[in-house]
Amino acid sequence: MRRSRFSAEQISTALRQVESGAPVAEVVRKLGVSEKTYYLWKKQYAHLLTNELRELRQLRDENAKLKRLVADLTLDKVMLQEVLGKKNDARREAHLGPAIGGQVPPCTAQSVPTAGLAPRHVSLRTEDTRRRCVASKDP
């Protein structure tokens, strides 16, 4: 958004001059703006006092700064997640071997904890995957 070359105090003063009886044409001529600009200011700022205008501008500036900060932090988060994802993929591949189509091979067994007892080695293979594993191992 383009920043106004007039401060909040100048805009407020111009609005008050017209309210006190000065003609709009004279006030806008002194400021070097069009009547359209004056009426836009009146529409936006007529209900605000000078100190409220200053506070509004400060809040807008702070909001813009916070939005930039959030965007930077979001970008950092995405980059870190990508790096961690690549590391985890490399670890998984080193431990389990290369993944088939992005999935864990069907012949893999895992340790599964059972109701507070020591973990047991449980095969996750079904009868169908057993046949495929045996078939893939035979030359």
N, C-alpha and C. Protein backbone atom coordinates (compact mmCIF):
# COMPACT_ATOMS: atom_id res chain seq x y z
N MET A 1 0.84 -1.17 0.00
CA MET A 1 0.00 0.00 0.00
C MET A 1 0.89 1.24 0.00
N ARG A 2 0.53 2.22 -0.82
CA ARG A 2 1.31 3.45 -0.92
C ARG A 2 1.10 4.29 0.33
N ARG A 3 2.18 4.83 0.84
CA ARG A 3 2.11 5.63 2.05
C ARG A 3 1.78 7.09 1.71
N SER A 4 0.94 7.70 2.51
CA SER A 4 0.53 9.08 2.29
C SER A 4 1.68 10.03 2.59
N ARG A 5 1.75 11.10 1.82
CA ARG A 5 2.79 12.10 2.10
C ARG A 5 2.35 13.06 3.19
N PHE A 6 1.13 12.89 3.68
CA PHE A 6 0.60 13.73 4.74
C PHE A 6 0.52 12.93 6.04
N SER A 7 0.89 13.57 7.12
CA SER A 7 0.83 12.90 8.42
C SER A 7 -0.61 12.89 8.93
N ALA A 8 -0.83 12.10 9.96
CA ALA A 8 -2.16 12.01 10.55
C ALA A 8 -2.60 13.38 11.09
N GLU A 9 -1.66 14.15 11.63
CA GLU A 9 -1.98 15.47 12.16
C GLU A 9 -2.43 16.42 11.06
N GLN A 10 -1.76 16.36 9.90
CA GLN A 10 -2.13 17.24 8.79
C GLN A 10 -3.53 16.90 8.27
N ILE A 11 -3.82 15.63 8.15
CA ILE A 11 -5.14 15.20 7.68
C ILE A 11 -6.21 15.64 8.67
N SER A 12 -5.94 15.41 9.96
CA SER A 12 -6.89 15.79 11.00
C SER A 12 -7.12 17.30 11.01
N THR A 13 -6.05 18.08 10.83
CA THR A 13 -6.17 19.54 10.80
C THR A 13 -7.03 19.99 9.63
N ALA A 14 -6.80 19.38 8.47
CA ALA A 14 -7.59 19.75 7.29
C ALA A 14 -9.07 19.45 7.51
N LEU A 15 -9.36 18.32 8.10
CA LEU A 15 -10.76 17.96 8.36
C LEU A 15 -11.40 18.94 9.35
N ARG A 16 -10.65 19.32 10.38
CA ARG A 16 -11.19 20.25 11.37
C ARG A 16 -11.40 21.64 10.80
N GLN A 17 -10.51 22.07 9.87
CA GLN A 17 -10.67 23.39 9.25
C GLN A 17 -11.98 23.47 8.47
N VAL A 18 -12.29 22.40 7.73
CA VAL A 18 -13.53 22.40 6.96
C VAL A 18 -14.73 22.35 7.90
N GLU A 19 -14.61 21.58 8.99
CA GLU A 19 -15.71 21.52 9.97
C GLU A 19 -15.96 22.87 10.62
N SER A 20 -14.89 23.66 10.79
CA SER A 20 -15.04 24.97 11.43
C SER A 20 -15.57 26.04 10.47
N GLY A 21 -15.72 25.70 9.19
CA GLY A 21 -16.36 26.66 8.29
C GLY A 21 -15.54 27.05 7.08
N ALA A 22 -14.30 26.66 6.97
CA ALA A 22 -13.50 27.00 5.80
C ALA A 22 -14.00 26.22 4.59
N PRO A 23 -13.99 26.86 3.41
CA PRO A 23 -14.46 26.14 2.22
C PRO A 23 -13.51 24.99 1.85
N VAL A 24 -14.09 23.90 1.37
CA VAL A 24 -13.31 22.70 1.01
C VAL A 24 -12.30 23.04 -0.08
N ALA A 25 -12.71 23.82 -1.07
CA ALA A 25 -11.84 24.16 -2.19
C ALA A 25 -10.57 24.88 -1.73
N GLU A 26 -10.72 25.76 -0.75
CA GLU A 26 -9.57 26.51 -0.25
C GLU A 26 -8.60 25.60 0.52
N VAL A 27 -9.15 24.73 1.35
CA VAL A 27 -8.30 23.84 2.16
C VAL A 27 -7.53 22.88 1.26
N VAL A 28 -8.20 22.29 0.27
CA VAL A 28 -7.51 21.33 -0.60
C VAL A 28 -6.48 22.03 -1.49
N ARG A 29 -6.76 23.30 -1.88
CA ARG A 29 -5.78 24.05 -2.68
C ARG A 29 -4.51 24.30 -1.88
N LYS A 30 -4.66 24.66 -0.59
CA LYS A 30 -3.49 24.90 0.26
C LYS A 30 -2.67 23.62 0.46
N LEU A 31 -3.36 22.48 0.57
CA LEU A 31 -2.65 21.21 0.76
C LEU A 31 -2.11 20.64 -0.54
N GLY A 32 -2.70 21.07 -1.66
CA GLY A 32 -2.25 20.55 -2.95
C GLY A 32 -2.81 19.17 -3.26
N VAL A 33 -4.04 18.91 -2.80
CA VAL A 33 -4.70 17.64 -3.08
C VAL A 33 -6.04 17.91 -3.76
N SER A 34 -6.62 16.87 -4.31
CA SER A 34 -7.92 17.05 -4.98
C SER A 34 -9.04 16.95 -3.95
N GLU A 35 -10.22 17.40 -4.37
CA GLU A 35 -11.38 17.29 -3.49
C GLU A 35 -11.73 15.83 -3.24
N LYS A 36 -11.49 15.01 -4.24
CA LYS A 36 -11.74 13.57 -4.08
C LYS A 36 -10.91 13.01 -2.93
N THR A 37 -9.64 13.42 -2.86
CA THR A 37 -8.76 12.97 -1.77
C THR A 37 -9.30 13.44 -0.43
N TYR A 38 -9.75 14.70 -0.38
CA TYR A 38 -10.31 15.22 0.87
C TYR A 38 -11.49 14.36 1.31
N TYR A 39 -12.40 14.05 0.40
CA TYR A 39 -13.58 13.28 0.78
C TYR A 39 -13.24 11.83 1.14
N LEU A 40 -12.17 11.29 0.55
CA LEU A 40 -11.69 9.97 0.97
C LEU A 40 -11.16 10.03 2.41
N TRP A 41 -10.39 11.09 2.70
CA TRP A 41 -9.90 11.27 4.07
C TRP A 41 -11.07 11.39 5.04
N LYS A 42 -12.05 12.18 4.65
CA LYS A 42 -13.21 12.39 5.52
C LYS A 42 -13.92 11.06 5.79
N LYS A 43 -14.06 10.26 4.76
CA LYS A 43 -14.73 8.97 4.91
C LYS A 43 -13.93 8.04 5.84
N GLN A 44 -12.61 8.08 5.73
CA GLN A 44 -11.76 7.18 6.52
C GLN A 44 -11.50 7.68 7.93
N TYR A 45 -11.27 8.99 8.08
CA TYR A 45 -10.73 9.50 9.34
C TYR A 45 -11.64 10.47 10.09
N ALA A 46 -12.82 10.74 9.61
CA ALA A 46 -13.65 11.76 10.24
C ALA A 46 -14.00 11.42 11.69
N HIS A 47 -14.19 10.18 12.00
CA HIS A 47 -14.61 9.79 13.35
C HIS A 47 -13.44 9.63 14.32
N LEU A 48 -12.20 9.78 13.83
CA LEU A 48 -11.03 9.59 14.68
C LEU A 48 -10.40 10.92 15.06
N LEU A 49 -9.85 10.96 16.25
CA LEU A 49 -9.10 12.13 16.70
C LEU A 49 -7.65 11.98 16.27
N THR A 50 -6.84 13.02 16.44
CA THR A 50 -5.45 13.01 16.01
C THR A 50 -4.65 11.89 16.66
N ASN A 51 -4.80 11.73 17.97
CA ASN A 51 -4.03 10.69 18.65
C ASN A 51 -4.50 9.29 18.23
N GLU A 52 -5.78 9.14 17.91
CA GLU A 52 -6.27 7.85 17.43
C GLU A 52 -5.72 7.53 16.04
N LEU A 53 -5.57 8.56 15.20
CA LEU A 53 -4.98 8.37 13.88
C LEU A 53 -3.53 7.90 14.00
N ARG A 54 -2.79 8.52 14.90
CA ARG A 54 -1.39 8.15 15.11
C ARG A 54 -1.31 6.71 15.60
N GLU A 55 -2.19 6.35 16.54
CA GLU A 55 -2.20 4.99 17.07
C GLU A 55 -2.58 3.98 15.98
N LEU A 56 -3.52 4.34 15.12
CA LEU A 56 -3.93 3.47 14.02
C LEU A 56 -2.76 3.19 13.09
N ARG A 57 -2.01 4.23 12.74
CA ARG A 57 -0.85 4.04 11.86
C ARG A 57 0.20 3.15 12.53
N GLN A 58 0.45 3.35 13.83
CA GLN A 58 1.42 2.51 14.54
C GLN A 58 0.97 1.06 14.56
N LEU A 59 -0.31 0.83 14.78
CA LEU A 59 -0.83 -0.54 14.79
C LEU A 59 -0.70 -1.19 13.42
N ARG A 60 -0.96 -0.44 12.36
CA ARG A 60 -0.82 -0.98 11.00
C ARG A 60 0.63 -1.34 10.71
N ASP A 61 1.56 -0.46 11.13
CA ASP A 61 2.98 -0.76 10.92
C ASP A 61 3.41 -2.01 11.69
N GLU A 62 2.96 -2.10 12.94
CA GLU A 62 3.29 -3.27 13.75
C GLU A 62 2.70 -4.54 13.16
N ASN A 63 1.48 -4.46 12.66
CA ASN A 63 0.82 -5.61 12.05
C ASN A 63 1.59 -6.07 10.81
N ALA A 64 2.05 -5.13 9.99
CA ALA A 64 2.83 -5.48 8.80
C ALA A 64 4.14 -6.16 9.19
N LYS A 65 4.78 -5.65 10.25
CA LYS A 65 6.03 -6.24 10.72
C LYS A 65 5.80 -7.67 11.22
N LEU A 66 4.72 -7.87 11.96
CA LEU A 66 4.42 -9.21 12.48
C LEU A 66 4.08 -10.19 11.35
N LYS A 67 3.38 -9.71 10.33
CA LYS A 67 3.07 -10.58 9.19
C LYS A 67 4.35 -11.03 8.49
N ARG A 68 5.31 -10.11 8.32
CA ARG A 68 6.59 -10.48 7.70
C ARG A 68 7.32 -11.49 8.57
N LEU A 69 7.29 -11.30 9.88
CA LEU A 69 7.94 -12.22 10.81
C LEU A 69 7.33 -13.62 10.73
N VAL A 70 6.01 -13.69 10.69
CA VAL A 70 5.32 -14.98 10.58
C VAL A 70 5.69 -15.67 9.27
N ALA A 71 5.75 -14.90 8.19
CA ALA A 71 6.11 -15.49 6.89
C ALA A 71 7.53 -16.05 6.93
N ASP A 72 8.46 -15.31 7.52
CA ASP A 72 9.85 -15.79 7.63
C ASP A 72 9.93 -17.06 8.47
N LEU A 73 9.24 -17.08 9.61
CA LEU A 73 9.29 -18.25 10.48
C LEU A 73 8.63 -19.46 9.83
N THR A 74 7.57 -19.24 9.08
CA THR A 74 6.92 -20.34 8.38
C THR A 74 7.85 -20.93 7.33
N LEU A 75 8.55 -20.07 6.62
CA LEU A 75 9.51 -20.54 5.63
C LEU A 75 10.62 -21.35 6.30
N ASP A 76 11.14 -20.86 7.43
CA ASP A 76 12.18 -21.60 8.17
C ASP A 76 11.67 -22.96 8.61
N LYS A 77 10.44 -23.02 9.08
CA LYS A 77 9.85 -24.27 9.55
C LYS A 77 9.75 -25.27 8.41
N VAL A 78 9.30 -24.83 7.25
CA VAL A 78 9.16 -25.72 6.10
C VAL A 78 10.52 -26.26 5.67
N MET A 79 11.52 -25.38 5.65
CA MET A 79 12.87 -25.82 5.27
C MET A 79 13.41 -26.85 6.24
N LEU A 80 13.22 -26.64 7.54
CA LEU A 80 13.70 -27.59 8.54
C LEU A 80 12.97 -28.93 8.43
N GLN A 81 11.67 -28.89 8.16
CA GLN A 81 10.93 -30.14 8.01
C GLN A 81 11.42 -30.92 6.80
N GLU A 82 11.76 -30.23 5.72
CA GLU A 82 12.29 -30.92 4.55
C GLU A 82 13.62 -31.58 4.86
N VAL A 83 14.50 -30.87 5.58
CA VAL A 83 15.80 -31.43 5.93
C VAL A 83 15.62 -32.64 6.85
N LEU A 84 14.77 -32.52 7.86
CA LEU A 84 14.54 -33.64 8.77
C LEU A 84 13.90 -34.82 8.04
N GLY A 85 13.01 -34.55 7.12
CA GLY A 85 12.38 -35.61 6.35
C GLY A 85 13.39 -36.37 5.53
N LYS A 86 14.34 -35.68 4.92
CA LYS A 86 15.39 -36.34 4.13
C LYS A 86 16.28 -37.18 5.03
N LYS A 87 16.62 -36.66 6.22
CA LYS A 87 17.46 -37.42 7.15
C LYS A 87 16.74 -38.70 7.59
N ASN A 88 15.46 -38.56 7.94
CA ASN A 88 14.69 -39.72 8.39
C ASN A 88 14.54 -40.75 7.28
N ASP A 89 14.36 -40.29 6.04
CA ASP A 89 14.26 -41.22 4.91
C ASP A 89 15.57 -41.98 4.74
N ALA A 90 16.70 -41.27 4.89
CA ALA A 90 18.00 -41.92 4.74
C ALA A 90 18.23 -42.95 5.85
N ARG A 91 17.84 -42.61 7.08
CA ARG A 91 18.00 -43.55 8.19
C ARG A 91 17.13 -44.79 7.98
N ARG A 92 15.88 -44.57 7.57
CA ARG A 92 14.96 -45.68 7.35
C ARG A 92 15.49 -46.59 6.25
N GLU A 93 16.02 -46.00 5.19
CA GLU A 93 16.54 -46.80 4.08
C GLU A 93 17.77 -47.57 4.50
N ALA A 94 18.63 -46.96 5.33
CA ALA A 94 19.82 -47.65 5.80
C ALA A 94 19.44 -48.82 6.71
N HIS A 95 18.40 -48.66 7.49
CA HIS A 95 17.99 -49.68 8.44
C HIS A 95 17.18 -50.79 7.76
N LEU A 96 16.24 -50.43 6.90
CA LEU A 96 15.33 -51.40 6.30
C LEU A 96 15.64 -51.75 4.87
N GLY A 97 16.57 -51.04 4.25
CA GLY A 97 16.83 -51.26 2.84
C GLY A 97 15.98 -50.31 2.02
N PRO A 98 16.20 -50.28 0.73
CA PRO A 98 15.44 -49.33 -0.09
C PRO A 98 13.96 -49.65 -0.08
N ALA A 99 13.17 -48.62 -0.02
CA ALA A 99 11.72 -48.78 0.01
C ALA A 99 11.21 -49.12 -1.38
N ILE A 100 10.16 -49.91 -1.44
CA ILE A 100 9.55 -50.29 -2.71
C ILE A 100 8.36 -49.37 -2.93
N GLY A 101 8.46 -48.51 -3.91
CA GLY A 101 7.36 -47.59 -4.19
C GLY A 101 7.04 -46.68 -3.03
N GLY A 102 8.05 -46.30 -2.22
CA GLY A 102 7.81 -45.42 -1.09
C GLY A 102 7.21 -46.12 0.12
N GLN A 103 7.14 -47.47 0.11
CA GLN A 103 6.56 -48.21 1.22
C GLN A 103 7.60 -49.15 1.81
N VAL A 104 7.36 -49.57 3.03
CA VAL A 104 8.24 -50.53 3.69
C VAL A 104 8.04 -51.88 3.01
N PRO A 105 9.11 -52.65 2.74
CA PRO A 105 8.95 -53.94 2.10
C PRO A 105 8.01 -54.86 2.88
N PRO A 106 7.24 -55.70 2.21
CA PRO A 106 6.24 -56.53 2.90
C PRO A 106 6.84 -57.62 3.77
N CYS A 107 8.12 -57.96 3.62
CA CYS A 107 8.73 -59.05 4.38
C CYS A 107 9.36 -58.56 5.67
N THR A 108 8.96 -57.40 6.17
CA THR A 108 9.57 -56.79 7.35
C THR A 108 8.80 -57.20 8.60
N ALA A 109 9.55 -57.52 9.64
CA ALA A 109 8.95 -57.81 10.94
C ALA A 109 9.29 -56.68 11.88
N GLN A 110 8.42 -56.42 12.85
CA GLN A 110 8.65 -55.34 13.80
C GLN A 110 8.42 -55.85 15.21
N SER A 111 9.01 -55.11 16.18
CA SER A 111 8.74 -55.41 17.58
C SER A 111 7.52 -54.63 18.00
N VAL A 112 6.56 -55.31 18.61
CA VAL A 112 5.31 -54.68 19.02
C VAL A 112 5.14 -54.86 20.51
N PRO A 113 4.98 -53.76 21.30
CA PRO A 113 4.76 -53.91 22.74
C PRO A 113 3.38 -54.53 22.99
N THR A 114 3.31 -55.40 23.96
CA THR A 114 2.04 -56.06 24.27
C THR A 114 1.68 -55.81 25.72
N ALA A 115 0.67 -55.07 25.96
CA ALA A 115 0.04 -54.83 27.27
C ALA A 115 0.99 -54.80 28.44
N GLY A 116 1.98 -53.95 28.41
CA GLY A 116 2.87 -53.77 29.54
C GLY A 116 3.94 -54.85 29.67
N LEU A 117 3.93 -55.86 28.85
CA LEU A 117 4.95 -56.90 28.87
C LEU A 117 6.11 -56.48 27.99
N ALA A 118 7.15 -57.29 28.03
CA ALA A 118 8.30 -57.00 27.19
C ALA A 118 7.89 -57.09 25.72
N PRO A 119 8.45 -56.25 24.85
CA PRO A 119 8.08 -56.31 23.45
C PRO A 119 8.42 -57.67 22.84
N ARG A 120 7.57 -58.14 21.98
CA ARG A 120 7.80 -59.41 21.30
C ARG A 120 8.01 -59.16 19.82
N HIS A 121 8.76 -60.04 19.23
CA HIS A 121 9.00 -59.93 17.80
C HIS A 121 7.81 -60.55 17.09
N VAL A 122 7.05 -59.69 16.41
CA VAL A 122 5.82 -60.14 15.75
C VAL A 122 5.96 -59.91 14.26
N SER A 123 5.65 -60.91 13.50
CA SER A 123 5.71 -60.76 12.06
C SER A 123 4.44 -60.08 11.58
N LEU A 124 4.60 -59.11 10.72
CA LEU A 124 3.46 -58.39 10.18
C LEU A 124 3.02 -58.98 8.85
N ARG A 125 3.61 -60.10 8.49
CA ARG A 125 3.28 -60.71 7.21
C ARG A 125 1.98 -61.50 7.31
N THR A 126 1.23 -61.44 6.26
CA THR A 126 0.04 -62.28 6.15
C THR A 126 0.40 -63.46 5.26
N GLU A 127 -0.49 -64.38 5.10
CA GLU A 127 -0.22 -65.54 4.28
C GLU A 127 0.13 -65.12 2.85
N ASP A 128 -0.56 -64.11 2.35
CA ASP A 128 -0.31 -63.62 1.00
C ASP A 128 1.10 -63.06 0.85
N THR A 129 1.54 -62.26 1.83
CA THR A 129 2.88 -61.67 1.73
C THR A 129 3.95 -62.72 1.95
N ARG A 130 3.66 -63.77 2.74
CA ARG A 130 4.64 -64.85 2.92
C ARG A 130 4.92 -65.51 1.58
N ARG A 131 3.86 -65.78 0.81
CA ARG A 131 4.07 -66.41 -0.49
C ARG A 131 4.90 -65.53 -1.40
N ARG A 132 4.62 -64.20 -1.37
CA ARG A 132 5.39 -63.30 -2.23
C ARG A 132 6.83 -63.22 -1.79
N CYS A 133 7.08 -63.22 -0.47
CA CYS A 133 8.46 -63.16 0.04
C CYS A 133 9.20 -64.41 -0.35
N VAL A 134 8.59 -65.57 -0.20
CA VAL A 134 9.24 -66.84 -0.53
C VAL A 134 9.48 -66.87 -2.04
N ALA A 135 8.53 -66.40 -2.84
CA ALA A 135 8.68 -66.41 -4.27
C ALA A 135 9.77 -65.46 -4.72
N SER A 136 9.90 -64.32 -4.06
CA SER A 136 10.92 -63.36 -4.45
C SER A 136 12.32 -63.82 -4.04
N LYS A 137 12.44 -64.67 -3.01
CA LYS A 137 13.76 -65.14 -2.56
C LYS A 137 14.24 -66.31 -3.41
N ASP A 138 13.29 -67.09 -3.97
CA ASP A 138 13.71 -68.23 -4.81
C ASP A 138 14.21 -67.73 -6.15
N PRO A 139 15.36 -68.32 -6.63
CA PRO A 139 15.87 -67.87 -7.92
C PRO A 139 15.12 -68.47 -9.09
